[in-house]
Amino acid sequence: MLSLIAAIAAQALTCTPVAVDGDTLRCGRERIRLLAIDAPEMPGHCRRGRRCVTGDPFASRDSLAAALRPPFTIRRVGFDHYGRTLAAVAGARGDLSCWQLQARRARYRADWDNGHMIGDRCR
């Protein structure tokens, strides 16, 4: 049973992902939230009372879009409170969370890093 879960969790993407913003992808009907990063919110998405990352949300989204080169792999670890898949996603240019951090288009969040997967990988 555990090997089946591992096989499902770490698999190739069978679609062409699209950057929704600087930390979220859409893959067909699945929304994928990249692990361990927080990117600037698109206009109208930073609700009152939230502490949102500062920066240019369009530049952050465009940076993520520039990294979307196949082949892709995804390591799903669960879901967030919006129902998005939480995952580490990598493409031909490496881990997408690391890409955004190195481009300074997102901020690292250790409290959102499942088992320090991203923090360890991005060093």
C-alpha atoms as a PDB file:
ATOM      1  CA  MET A   1       0.000   0.000   0.000  1.00  0.00           C
ATOM      2  CA  LEU A   2       2.811   2.445   0.881  1.00  0.00           C
ATOM      3  CA  SER A   3       4.534   1.808  -2.452  1.00  0.00           C
ATOM      4  CA  LEU A   4       1.279   2.643  -4.265  1.00  0.00           C
ATOM      5  CA  ILE A   5       0.990   5.912  -2.339  1.00  0.00           C
ATOM      6  CA  ALA A   6       4.622   6.752  -3.129  1.00  0.00           C
ATOM      7  CA  ALA A   7       4.058   5.998  -6.810  1.00  0.00           C
ATOM      8  CA  ILE A   8       1.010   8.256  -6.936  1.00  0.00           C
ATOM      9  CA  ALA A   9       2.752  11.016  -4.956  1.00  0.00           C
ATOM     10  CA  ALA A  10       5.839  11.211  -7.212  1.00  0.00           C
ATOM     11  CA  GLN A  11       4.726  11.060 -10.803  1.00  0.00           C
ATOM     12  CA  ALA A  12       5.128  12.862 -14.059  1.00  0.00           C
ATOM     13  CA  LEU A  13       2.647  15.566 -14.958  1.00  0.00           C
ATOM     14  CA  THR A  14       0.503  14.570 -17.900  1.00  0.00           C
ATOM     15  CA  CYS A  15      -0.469  18.110 -18.853  1.00  0.00           C
ATOM     16  CA  THR A  16       1.207  21.375 -19.688  1.00  0.00           C
ATOM     17  CA  PRO A  17       1.083  23.463 -16.506  1.00  0.00           C
ATOM     18  CA  VAL A  18       0.173  27.150 -16.624  1.00  0.00           C
ATOM     19  CA  ALA A  19       1.318  29.726 -14.053  1.00  0.00           C
ATOM     20  CA  VAL A  20      -1.698  31.243 -12.289  1.00  0.00           C
ATOM     21  CA  ASP A  21       0.463  33.472 -10.109  1.00  0.00           C
ATOM     22  CA  GLY A  22       3.948  33.269  -8.612  1.00  0.00           C
ATOM     23  CA  ASP A  23       3.295  30.201  -6.468  1.00  0.00           C
ATOM     24  CA  THR A  24       0.366  28.392  -8.108  1.00  0.00           C
ATOM     25  CA  LEU A  25       0.021  26.318 -11.270  1.00  0.00           C
ATOM     26  CA  ARG A  26      -2.977  24.948 -13.091  1.00  0.00           C
ATOM     27  CA  CYS A  27      -2.618  21.516 -14.641  1.00  0.00           C
ATOM     28  CA  GLY A  28      -5.908  20.747 -16.365  1.00  0.00           C
ATOM     29  CA  ARG A  29      -8.485  20.976 -13.568  1.00  0.00           C
ATOM     30  CA  GLU A  30      -5.891  20.503 -10.802  1.00  0.00           C
ATOM     31  CA  ARG A  31      -4.568  23.600  -9.023  1.00  0.00           C
ATOM     32  CA  ILE A  32      -1.074  23.051  -7.620  1.00  0.00           C
ATOM     33  CA  ARG A  33       0.377  25.219  -4.845  1.00  0.00           C
ATOM     34  CA  LEU A  34       4.171  25.115  -4.777  1.00  0.00           C
ATOM     35  CA  LEU A  35       5.640  24.117  -1.441  1.00  0.00           C
ATOM     36  CA  ALA A  36       7.463  26.476   0.901  1.00  0.00           C
ATOM     37  CA  ILE A  37       7.097  29.740  -0.999  1.00  0.00           C
ATOM     38  CA  ASP A  38       4.821  32.745  -0.805  1.00  0.00           C
ATOM     39  CA  ALA A  39       4.648  35.071  -3.802  1.00  0.00           C
ATOM     40  CA  PRO A  40       2.990  38.480  -4.216  1.00  0.00           C
ATOM     41  CA  GLU A  41      -0.775  38.255  -4.669  1.00  0.00           C
ATOM     42  CA  MET A  42      -2.454  39.225  -7.912  1.00  0.00           C
ATOM     43  CA  PRO A  43      -4.555  42.424  -7.660  1.00  0.00           C
ATOM     44  CA  GLY A  44      -7.625  41.936  -5.488  1.00  0.00           C
ATOM     45  CA  HIS A  45      -6.404  38.731  -3.839  1.00  0.00           C
ATOM     46  CA  CYS A  46      -4.820  40.153  -0.685  1.00  0.00           C
ATOM     47  CA  ARG A  47      -7.831  40.316   1.592  1.00  0.00           C
ATOM     48  CA  ARG A  48      -8.046  42.658   4.554  1.00  0.00           C
ATOM     49  CA  GLY A  49      -6.196  41.314   7.566  1.00  0.00           C
ATOM     50  CA  ARG A  50      -3.769  39.156   5.583  1.00  0.00           C
ATOM     51  CA  ARG A  51      -0.032  39.786   5.572  1.00  0.00           C
ATOM     52  CA  CYS A  52       0.775  39.480   1.889  1.00  0.00           C
ATOM     53  CA  VAL A  53       4.230  39.380   0.351  1.00  0.00           C
ATOM     54  CA  THR A  54       5.282  42.627  -1.267  1.00  0.00           C
ATOM     55  CA  GLY A  55       6.519  42.774  -4.825  1.00  0.00           C
ATOM     56  CA  ASP A  56       5.291  42.703  -8.390  1.00  0.00           C
ATOM     57  CA  PRO A  57       2.746  39.882  -8.804  1.00  0.00           C
ATOM     58  CA  PHE A  58       2.942  40.010 -12.600  1.00  0.00           C
ATOM     59  CA  ALA A  59       6.740  39.700 -12.590  1.00  0.00           C
ATOM     60  CA  SER A  60       6.444  36.796 -10.147  1.00  0.00           C
ATOM     61  CA  ARG A  61       3.900  34.992 -12.325  1.00  0.00           C
ATOM     62  CA  ASP A  62       5.981  35.638 -15.453  1.00  0.00           C
ATOM     63  CA  SER A  63       9.096  34.298 -13.723  1.00  0.00           C
ATOM     64  CA  LEU A  64       7.310  31.065 -12.863  1.00  0.00           C
ATOM     65  CA  ALA A  65       5.944  30.824 -16.414  1.00  0.00           C
ATOM     66  CA  ALA A  66       9.507  31.165 -17.772  1.00  0.00           C
ATOM     67  CA  ALA A  67      10.554  28.105 -15.745  1.00  0.00           C
ATOM     68  CA  LEU A  68       7.815  25.868 -17.139  1.00  0.00           C
ATOM     69  CA  ARG A  69       9.895  23.647 -19.408  1.00  0.00           C
ATOM     70  CA  PRO A  70       9.188  19.891 -19.643  1.00  0.00           C
ATOM     71  CA  PRO A  71       9.628  17.230 -18.567  1.00  0.00           C
ATOM     72  CA  PHE A  72       7.803  17.849 -15.285  1.00  0.00           C
ATOM     73  CA  THR A  73       7.624  15.786 -12.128  1.00  0.00           C
ATOM     74  CA  ILE A  74       5.375  16.418  -9.191  1.00  0.00           C
ATOM     75  CA  ARG A  75       5.627  15.213  -5.620  1.00  0.00           C
ATOM     76  CA  ARG A  76       2.232  15.693  -4.004  1.00  0.00           C
ATOM     77  CA  VAL A  77       2.166  16.011  -0.214  1.00  0.00           C
ATOM     78  CA  GLY A  78      -1.445  16.999   0.501  1.00  0.00           C
ATOM     79  CA  PHE A  79      -3.947  19.806   0.070  1.00  0.00           C
ATOM     80  CA  ASP A  80      -4.251  23.353   1.393  1.00  0.00           C
ATOM     81  CA  HIS A  81      -7.382  24.938   2.853  1.00  0.00           C
ATOM     82  CA  TYR A  82      -8.407  26.133  -0.633  1.00  0.00           C
ATOM     83  CA  GLY A  83      -8.367  22.561  -1.974  1.00  0.00           C
ATOM     84  CA  ARG A  84      -5.198  23.064  -4.016  1.00  0.00           C
ATOM     85  CA  THR A  85      -2.682  20.242  -4.272  1.00  0.00           C
ATOM     86  CA  LEU A  86       0.456  21.024  -2.251  1.00  0.00           C
ATOM     87  CA  ALA A  87       3.471  19.784  -4.152  1.00  0.00           C
ATOM     88  CA  ALA A  88       7.115  20.064  -5.063  1.00  0.00           C
ATOM     89  CA  VAL A  89       7.237  20.458  -8.841  1.00  0.00           C
ATOM     90  CA  ALA A  90      10.342  20.271 -10.991  1.00  0.00           C
ATOM     91  CA  GLY A  91      10.938  20.798 -14.677  1.00  0.00           C
ATOM     92  CA  ALA A  92      13.899  20.997 -17.022  1.00  0.00           C
ATOM     93  CA  ARG A  93      15.110  24.094 -15.152  1.00  0.00           C
ATOM     94  CA  GLY A  94      14.942  22.423 -11.729  1.00  0.00           C
ATOM     95  CA  ASP A  95      12.654  22.792  -8.755  1.00  0.00           C
ATOM     96  CA  LEU A  96      10.095  25.537  -9.372  1.00  0.00           C
ATOM     97  CA  SER A  97      10.029  26.753  -5.759  1.00  0.00           C
ATOM     98  CA  CYS A  98      13.830  27.093  -5.858  1.00  0.00           C
ATOM     99  CA  TRP A  99      13.569  28.894  -9.194  1.00  0.00           C
ATOM    100  CA  GLN A 100      11.237  31.496  -7.688  1.00  0.00           C
ATOM    101  CA  LEU A 101      13.428  31.937  -4.620  1.00  0.00           C
ATOM    102  CA  GLN A 102      16.603  32.328  -6.675  1.00  0.00           C
ATOM    103  CA  ALA A 103      14.857  34.859  -8.931  1.00  0.00           C
ATOM    104  CA  ARG A 104      13.717  36.716  -5.774  1.00  0.00           C
ATOM    105  CA  ARG A 105      10.099  36.471  -6.948  1.00  0.00           C
ATOM    106  CA  ALA A 106       8.904  34.651  -3.812  1.00  0.00           C
ATOM    107  CA  ARG A 107       9.755  34.380  -0.137  1.00  0.00           C
ATOM    108  CA  TYR A 108      10.714  31.145   1.619  1.00  0.00           C
ATOM    109  CA  ARG A 109       8.306  29.954   4.324  1.00  0.00           C
ATOM    110  CA  ALA A 110       9.842  27.255   6.513  1.00  0.00           C
ATOM    111  CA  ASP A 111       6.446  26.736   8.164  1.00  0.00           C
ATOM    112  CA  TRP A 112       5.022  25.777   4.741  1.00  0.00           C
ATOM    113  CA  ASP A 113       7.907  23.428   3.882  1.00  0.00           C
ATOM    114  CA  ASN A 114       6.847  19.803   4.296  1.00  0.00           C
ATOM    115  CA  GLY A 115       9.832  18.061   5.900  1.00  0.00           C
ATOM    116  CA  HIS A 116      12.163  20.837   4.713  1.00  0.00           C
ATOM    117  CA  MET A 117      11.979  19.378   1.194  1.00  0.00           C
ATOM    118  CA  ILE A 118      12.473  22.757  -0.465  1.00  0.00           C
ATOM    119  CA  GLY A 119      14.842  24.368   2.035  1.00  0.00           C
ATOM    120  CA  ASP A 120      17.238  21.432   1.740  1.00  0.00           C
ATOM    121  CA  ARG A 121      16.892  21.240  -2.062  1.00  0.00           C
ATOM    122  CA  CYS A 122      17.427  24.967  -2.711  1.00  0.00           C
ATOM    123  CA  ARG A 123      20.695  25.311  -0.819  1.00  0.00           C
END
